Amino acid sequence: MFIKDKELHIVWCVEDVLQQAKENGYDLTEDEALSVLNLMLKRHDCNFGTTWESVDGAIKTIIEER
């Protein structure tokens, strides 16, 4: 998380997704992790933000779509 040019930037990356998946017993490819990030963006709700729960939910969706 950082502030640049009067904007707050919160960054989630493929490595975050891969580590979270691993901690929950899932193996994802980098492409699947990128799909997780895209799904998180699509589902994002400013009222709730992006949390580890939303990461977990997106991971489970991608796993189920295999």
N, C-alpha and C. Protein backbone atom coordinates (compact mmCIF):
# COMPACT_ATOMS: atom_id res chain seq x y z
N MET A 1 0.85 -1.16 0.00
CA MET A 1 0.00 0.00 0.00
C MET A 1 0.89 1.23 0.00
N PHE A 2 0.57 2.20 -0.84
CA PHE A 2 1.37 3.41 -0.87
C PHE A 2 0.54 4.58 -1.40
N ILE A 3 1.00 5.77 -1.11
CA ILE A 3 0.36 6.98 -1.61
C ILE A 3 1.29 7.62 -2.62
N LYS A 4 0.73 7.95 -3.78
CA LYS A 4 1.49 8.59 -4.85
C LYS A 4 0.58 9.60 -5.53
N ASP A 5 1.06 10.80 -5.69
CA ASP A 5 0.29 11.84 -6.38
C ASP A 5 -1.13 11.98 -5.82
N LYS A 6 -1.22 12.03 -4.49
CA LYS A 6 -2.49 12.22 -3.80
C LYS A 6 -3.47 11.07 -4.00
N GLU A 7 -2.97 9.87 -4.31
CA GLU A 7 -3.80 8.68 -4.50
C GLU A 7 -3.30 7.56 -3.61
N LEU A 8 -4.23 6.82 -3.04
CA LEU A 8 -3.89 5.63 -2.26
C LEU A 8 -3.89 4.43 -3.21
N HIS A 9 -2.82 3.68 -3.23
CA HIS A 9 -2.69 2.49 -4.08
C HIS A 9 -2.55 1.26 -3.20
N ILE A 10 -3.44 0.32 -3.40
CA ILE A 10 -3.36 -0.96 -2.70
C ILE A 10 -3.10 -2.01 -3.77
N VAL A 11 -2.03 -2.75 -3.61
CA VAL A 11 -1.58 -3.66 -4.66
C VAL A 11 -1.66 -5.11 -4.19
N TRP A 12 -2.34 -5.93 -4.99
CA TRP A 12 -2.35 -7.38 -4.80
C TRP A 12 -1.64 -7.97 -6.01
N CYS A 13 -0.80 -8.96 -5.78
CA CYS A 13 -0.03 -9.51 -6.90
C CYS A 13 -0.18 -11.03 -6.97
N VAL A 14 0.28 -11.58 -8.08
CA VAL A 14 0.22 -13.03 -8.30
C VAL A 14 0.87 -13.78 -7.13
N GLU A 15 1.97 -13.26 -6.63
CA GLU A 15 2.65 -13.93 -5.52
C GLU A 15 1.77 -14.00 -4.28
N ASP A 16 0.98 -12.95 -4.01
CA ASP A 16 0.03 -12.98 -2.89
C ASP A 16 -0.96 -14.12 -3.05
N VAL A 17 -1.50 -14.24 -4.25
CA VAL A 17 -2.49 -15.27 -4.54
C VAL A 17 -1.88 -16.67 -4.43
N LEU A 18 -0.70 -16.85 -5.01
CA LEU A 18 -0.05 -18.16 -4.96
C LEU A 18 0.25 -18.59 -3.53
N GLN A 19 0.71 -17.65 -2.70
CA GLN A 19 1.02 -17.97 -1.30
C GLN A 19 -0.26 -18.30 -0.53
N GLN A 20 -1.31 -17.54 -0.75
CA GLN A 20 -2.57 -17.80 -0.05
C GLN A 20 -3.15 -19.15 -0.48
N ALA A 21 -3.07 -19.45 -1.76
CA ALA A 21 -3.54 -20.75 -2.25
C ALA A 21 -2.74 -21.88 -1.59
N LYS A 22 -1.44 -21.74 -1.55
CA LYS A 22 -0.58 -22.75 -0.95
C LYS A 22 -0.93 -22.97 0.52
N GLU A 23 -1.15 -21.87 1.25
CA GLU A 23 -1.49 -21.97 2.67
C GLU A 23 -2.82 -22.69 2.90
N ASN A 24 -3.67 -22.68 1.86
CA ASN A 24 -4.98 -23.35 1.95
C ASN A 24 -4.99 -24.70 1.25
N GLY A 25 -3.80 -25.19 0.85
CA GLY A 25 -3.69 -26.53 0.28
C GLY A 25 -3.98 -26.64 -1.20
N TYR A 26 -3.95 -25.52 -1.92
CA TYR A 26 -4.19 -25.53 -3.36
C TYR A 26 -2.90 -25.21 -4.12
N ASP A 27 -2.75 -25.84 -5.27
CA ASP A 27 -1.65 -25.50 -6.18
C ASP A 27 -2.26 -24.79 -7.38
N LEU A 28 -1.82 -23.56 -7.61
CA LEU A 28 -2.28 -22.79 -8.76
C LEU A 28 -1.11 -22.49 -9.68
N THR A 29 -1.41 -22.37 -10.95
CA THR A 29 -0.41 -21.88 -11.90
C THR A 29 -0.41 -20.35 -11.81
N GLU A 30 0.60 -19.74 -12.39
CA GLU A 30 0.63 -18.27 -12.43
C GLU A 30 -0.55 -17.74 -13.24
N ASP A 31 -0.92 -18.44 -14.32
CA ASP A 31 -2.07 -18.01 -15.12
C ASP A 31 -3.36 -18.08 -14.30
N GLU A 32 -3.51 -19.12 -13.49
CA GLU A 32 -4.69 -19.23 -12.64
C GLU A 32 -4.69 -18.13 -11.58
N ALA A 33 -3.51 -17.82 -11.03
CA ALA A 33 -3.41 -16.74 -10.05
C ALA A 33 -3.80 -15.41 -10.67
N LEU A 34 -3.40 -15.19 -11.91
CA LEU A 34 -3.80 -13.97 -12.61
C LEU A 34 -5.32 -13.96 -12.83
N SER A 35 -5.89 -15.12 -13.11
CA SER A 35 -7.35 -15.22 -13.24
C SER A 35 -8.04 -14.88 -11.92
N VAL A 36 -7.43 -15.28 -10.81
CA VAL A 36 -7.95 -14.94 -9.49
C VAL A 36 -7.96 -13.42 -9.33
N LEU A 37 -6.87 -12.76 -9.68
CA LEU A 37 -6.80 -11.30 -9.56
C LEU A 37 -7.86 -10.63 -10.44
N ASN A 38 -8.05 -11.13 -11.65
CA ASN A 38 -9.07 -10.57 -12.54
C ASN A 38 -10.47 -10.77 -11.97
N LEU A 39 -10.72 -11.91 -11.38
CA LEU A 39 -12.02 -12.17 -10.76
C LEU A 39 -12.24 -11.26 -9.56
N MET A 40 -11.18 -11.05 -8.78
CA MET A 40 -11.28 -10.13 -7.65
C MET A 40 -11.63 -8.72 -8.12
N LEU A 41 -11.03 -8.29 -9.21
CA LEU A 41 -11.32 -6.97 -9.77
C LEU A 41 -12.78 -6.89 -10.22
N LYS A 42 -13.23 -7.94 -10.89
CA LYS A 42 -14.60 -7.98 -11.40
C LYS A 42 -15.62 -7.94 -10.26
N ARG A 43 -15.31 -8.63 -9.16
CA ARG A 43 -16.24 -8.73 -8.02
C ARG A 43 -16.06 -7.62 -6.99
N HIS A 44 -15.08 -6.76 -7.17
CA HIS A 44 -14.75 -5.76 -6.15
C HIS A 44 -15.95 -4.91 -5.77
N ASP A 45 -16.13 -4.71 -4.48
CA ASP A 45 -17.19 -3.86 -3.95
C ASP A 45 -16.54 -2.87 -2.99
N CYS A 46 -16.60 -1.61 -3.32
CA CYS A 46 -15.95 -0.57 -2.50
C CYS A 46 -16.48 -0.53 -1.08
N ASN A 47 -17.67 -1.05 -0.85
CA ASN A 47 -18.22 -1.06 0.50
C ASN A 47 -17.51 -2.06 1.41
N PHE A 48 -16.91 -3.08 0.81
CA PHE A 48 -16.26 -4.13 1.59
C PHE A 48 -14.77 -4.22 1.38
N GLY A 49 -14.25 -3.65 0.30
CA GLY A 49 -12.82 -3.70 0.03
C GLY A 49 -12.39 -5.07 -0.45
N THR A 50 -11.10 -5.26 -0.50
CA THR A 50 -10.53 -6.55 -0.88
C THR A 50 -9.84 -7.13 0.35
N THR A 51 -10.25 -8.33 0.72
CA THR A 51 -9.74 -8.97 1.93
C THR A 51 -9.21 -10.35 1.58
N TRP A 52 -8.57 -10.99 2.57
CA TRP A 52 -8.12 -12.36 2.35
C TRP A 52 -9.31 -13.27 2.07
N GLU A 53 -10.47 -12.96 2.63
CA GLU A 53 -11.67 -13.75 2.35
C GLU A 53 -12.06 -13.64 0.88
N SER A 54 -11.93 -12.44 0.31
CA SER A 54 -12.27 -12.29 -1.11
C SER A 54 -11.23 -13.00 -1.99
N VAL A 55 -9.98 -13.03 -1.56
CA VAL A 55 -8.94 -13.77 -2.28
C VAL A 55 -9.29 -15.26 -2.23
N ASP A 56 -9.63 -15.76 -1.03
CA ASP A 56 -9.98 -17.18 -0.87
C ASP A 56 -11.17 -17.56 -1.74
N GLY A 57 -12.18 -16.70 -1.77
CA GLY A 57 -13.37 -16.98 -2.57
C GLY A 57 -13.05 -17.06 -4.05
N ALA A 58 -12.21 -16.16 -4.52
CA ALA A 58 -11.83 -16.17 -5.93
C ALA A 58 -10.98 -17.40 -6.26
N ILE A 59 -10.09 -17.77 -5.35
CA ILE A 59 -9.28 -18.99 -5.54
C ILE A 59 -10.20 -20.19 -5.68
N LYS A 60 -11.16 -20.32 -4.79
CA LYS A 60 -12.08 -21.47 -4.82
C LYS A 60 -12.88 -21.50 -6.12
N THR A 61 -13.29 -20.33 -6.60
CA THR A 61 -14.02 -20.27 -7.87
C THR A 61 -13.16 -20.78 -9.01
N ILE A 62 -11.91 -20.34 -9.06
CA ILE A 62 -11.00 -20.77 -10.13
C ILE A 62 -10.73 -22.28 -10.04
N ILE A 63 -10.55 -22.78 -8.83
CA ILE A 63 -10.33 -24.23 -8.64
C ILE A 63 -11.55 -25.01 -9.14
N GLU A 64 -12.74 -24.53 -8.79
CA GLU A 64 -13.97 -25.23 -9.21
C GLU A 64 -14.17 -25.19 -10.72
N GLU A 65 -13.64 -24.18 -11.40
CA GLU A 65 -13.79 -24.05 -12.85
C GLU A 65 -12.82 -24.90 -13.65
N ARG A 66 -11.89 -25.55 -12.96
CA ARG A 66 -10.91 -26.39 -13.68
C ARG A 66 -11.60 -27.49 -14.45
